[in-house]
Amino acid sequence: MSAIELHLPDEDATTAFGQRLAATLPDGLVAFLYGDLGAGKTTFARAFLRALGVGERVKSPTYSLVEGYDLPDRRAFHLDLYRIADPGELEWLGLDGLAEPGAIVLVEWPERGAGALPPVDVELHFRHERDGRAVRLEPRSERGRRLTRQLAAI
């Protein structure tokens, strides 16, 4: 399966997309979220994590860099690397949990952590469009291809 593209006309559509993707997730996932400021990355991440069962407030990790959440059967991590100048800075964050089997890892601005992050399953490229936003999903592993096929079938 190759990439798929979805139009997201407003914030509600971005939230619904996050919920839909979470519903197709059978196991762990490493997702890299690309896009300009305000393109929908954090809105998507919040909706996705809430749909997986995060009951607490899902806050943006812009200043903390990483937020971890305990789900009933695994851990979820949301990283925002916008403030990282060098991937070497990540070793001080104690990110060993990112490699746990079944972990959910969402990374905003992943290019700033190149070489220090786990292998990606799917890339989500968010962008502004004249009448809203769009997202392009590009699978990068077999798990990512399965997820993209499931999402396309809905």
Protein backbone atom coordinates (compact mmCIF):
# COMPACT_ATOMS: atom_id res chain seq x y z
CA MET A 1 0.00 0.00 0.00
CA SER A 2 1.32 3.37 -0.90
CA ALA A 3 0.57 6.67 0.79
CA ILE A 4 -2.94 7.96 1.31
CA GLU A 5 -4.08 11.56 1.59
CA LEU A 6 -7.01 12.96 3.54
CA HIS A 7 -8.57 16.42 3.52
CA LEU A 8 -9.25 17.81 7.01
CA PRO A 9 -11.51 20.85 6.59
CA ASP A 10 -11.48 21.87 10.28
CA GLU A 11 -10.32 20.97 13.79
CA ASP A 12 -13.25 18.57 14.25
CA ALA A 13 -12.11 16.62 11.17
CA THR A 14 -8.56 16.46 12.54
CA THR A 15 -9.93 15.15 15.85
CA ALA A 16 -12.07 12.56 14.05
CA PHE A 17 -9.02 11.44 12.05
CA GLY A 18 -7.04 10.91 15.27
CA GLN A 19 -9.90 8.85 16.72
CA ARG A 20 -10.23 6.82 13.52
CA LEU A 21 -6.52 6.02 13.39
CA ALA A 22 -6.52 4.97 17.05
CA ALA A 23 -9.43 2.61 16.38
CA THR A 24 -7.41 0.76 13.71
CA LEU A 25 -4.35 0.29 15.92
CA PRO A 26 -3.87 -3.37 16.87
CA ASP A 27 -0.47 -3.04 18.56
CA GLY A 28 2.37 -0.55 19.04
CA LEU A 29 3.24 2.27 16.68
CA VAL A 30 5.96 4.82 16.03
CA ALA A 31 4.51 7.77 14.12
CA PHE A 32 6.46 10.82 13.00
CA LEU A 33 4.31 13.96 12.69
CA TYR A 34 5.57 16.55 10.21
CA GLY A 35 4.12 19.95 9.42
CA ASP A 36 4.36 23.66 10.02
CA LEU A 37 3.23 25.28 13.25
CA GLY A 38 -0.55 25.13 13.49
CA ALA A 39 -0.94 22.42 10.84
CA GLY A 40 -2.76 20.05 13.21
CA LYS A 41 -0.07 17.81 14.72
CA THR A 42 -0.93 18.42 18.37
CA THR A 43 -4.69 18.39 17.74
CA PHE A 44 -4.29 14.99 16.08
CA ALA A 45 -2.04 13.67 18.89
CA ARG A 46 -4.50 14.72 21.61
CA ALA A 47 -7.45 13.07 19.86
CA PHE A 48 -5.43 9.92 19.11
CA LEU A 49 -4.24 9.54 22.71
CA ARG A 50 -7.68 10.21 24.20
CA ALA A 51 -9.19 7.62 21.85
CA LEU A 52 -6.62 5.08 23.11
CA GLY A 53 -7.85 5.63 26.67
CA VAL A 54 -5.70 8.41 28.13
CA GLY A 55 -8.02 9.79 30.79
CA GLU A 56 -5.85 12.59 32.06
CA ARG A 57 -5.30 15.93 30.35
CA VAL A 58 -3.22 15.49 27.20
CA LYS A 59 -0.91 18.47 27.22
CA SER A 60 1.45 19.63 24.55
CA PRO A 61 5.03 18.56 25.32
CA THR A 62 6.47 21.75 23.79
CA TYR A 63 8.36 22.65 26.98
CA SER A 64 8.68 19.27 28.70
CA LEU A 65 9.73 17.66 25.35
CA VAL A 66 8.11 14.35 26.28
CA GLU A 67 4.89 13.30 28.01
CA GLY A 68 4.27 9.68 28.97
CA TYR A 69 0.91 8.04 29.56
CA ASP A 70 -0.04 4.71 31.10
CA LEU A 71 -2.66 2.87 29.09
CA PRO A 72 -4.29 -0.35 30.34
CA ASP A 73 -1.95 -2.59 28.33
CA ARG A 74 1.00 -0.40 27.27
CA ARG A 75 2.69 2.99 27.45
CA ALA A 76 2.21 5.93 25.14
CA PHE A 77 4.67 8.76 24.56
CA HIS A 78 4.17 12.13 22.91
CA LEU A 79 7.33 14.02 22.01
CA ASP A 80 7.66 17.55 20.65
CA LEU A 81 11.24 18.15 19.53
CA TYR A 82 10.73 21.69 18.24
CA ARG A 83 13.09 23.09 20.90
CA ILE A 84 15.85 20.49 20.32
CA ALA A 85 18.94 21.87 18.61
CA ASP A 86 20.89 18.60 18.42
CA PRO A 87 19.72 14.95 18.56
CA GLY A 88 22.35 14.30 21.25
CA GLU A 89 20.20 16.28 23.68
CA LEU A 90 17.69 13.41 23.70
CA GLU A 91 19.99 11.05 25.58
CA TRP A 92 19.41 13.10 28.75
CA LEU A 93 15.66 12.52 28.59
CA GLY A 94 15.78 8.80 29.46
CA LEU A 95 13.74 7.64 26.51
CA ASP A 96 14.40 3.91 26.95
CA GLY A 97 10.64 3.29 27.16
CA LEU A 98 10.22 4.28 23.52
CA ALA A 99 11.58 0.87 22.55
CA GLU A 100 9.13 -1.11 24.74
CA PRO A 101 7.16 -3.70 22.75
CA GLY A 102 3.69 -2.33 22.06
CA ALA A 103 4.61 1.25 22.95
CA ILE A 104 2.83 4.08 21.15
CA VAL A 105 5.25 6.84 20.17
CA LEU A 106 4.13 10.09 18.52
CA VAL A 107 6.93 12.48 17.59
CA GLU A 108 6.38 16.05 16.45
CA TRP A 109 9.37 17.60 14.64
CA PRO A 110 11.14 14.20 14.33
CA GLU A 111 13.79 15.60 12.00
CA ARG A 112 15.33 17.29 15.06
CA GLY A 113 15.88 13.89 16.69
CA ALA A 114 17.32 12.11 13.65
CA GLY A 115 19.30 9.03 14.64
CA ALA A 116 18.10 9.07 18.26
CA LEU A 117 14.53 7.86 17.70
CA PRO A 118 13.13 4.35 17.19
CA PRO A 119 12.41 3.25 13.60
CA VAL A 120 9.28 4.87 12.22
CA ASP A 121 6.19 2.90 11.18
CA VAL A 122 4.24 5.71 9.55
CA GLU A 123 4.91 9.33 8.69
CA LEU A 124 2.03 11.79 8.87
CA HIS A 125 2.63 14.97 6.87
CA PHE A 126 0.19 17.69 7.93
CA ARG A 127 -0.17 20.85 5.89
CA HIS A 128 -2.33 23.92 5.61
CA GLU A 129 -4.72 24.12 2.69
CA ARG A 130 -6.70 27.12 1.60
CA ASP A 131 -9.89 25.72 3.14
CA GLY A 132 -8.43 23.76 6.06
CA ARG A 133 -5.72 21.15 6.39
CA ALA A 134 -4.65 17.91 4.80
CA VAL A 135 -2.60 14.94 5.96
CA ARG A 136 -0.60 12.45 3.93
CA LEU A 137 0.14 9.07 5.53
CA GLU A 138 3.29 7.36 4.29
CA PRO A 139 3.93 3.86 5.64
CA ARG A 140 7.58 3.07 6.43
CA SER A 141 7.29 -0.45 7.87
CA GLU A 142 5.08 -3.50 7.56
CA ARG A 143 3.14 -2.32 10.61
CA GLY A 144 2.68 1.05 8.92
CA ARG A 145 1.47 -0.61 5.71
CA ARG A 146 -1.11 -2.68 7.67
CA LEU A 147 -2.33 0.43 9.45
CA THR A 148 -2.61 2.40 6.22
CA ARG A 149 -4.54 -0.46 4.54
CA GLN A 150 -6.94 -0.66 7.48
CA LEU A 151 -7.48 3.09 7.48
CA ALA A 152 -8.10 3.15 3.73
CA ALA A 153 -10.71 0.39 4.11
CA ILE A 154 -12.81 2.37 6.60
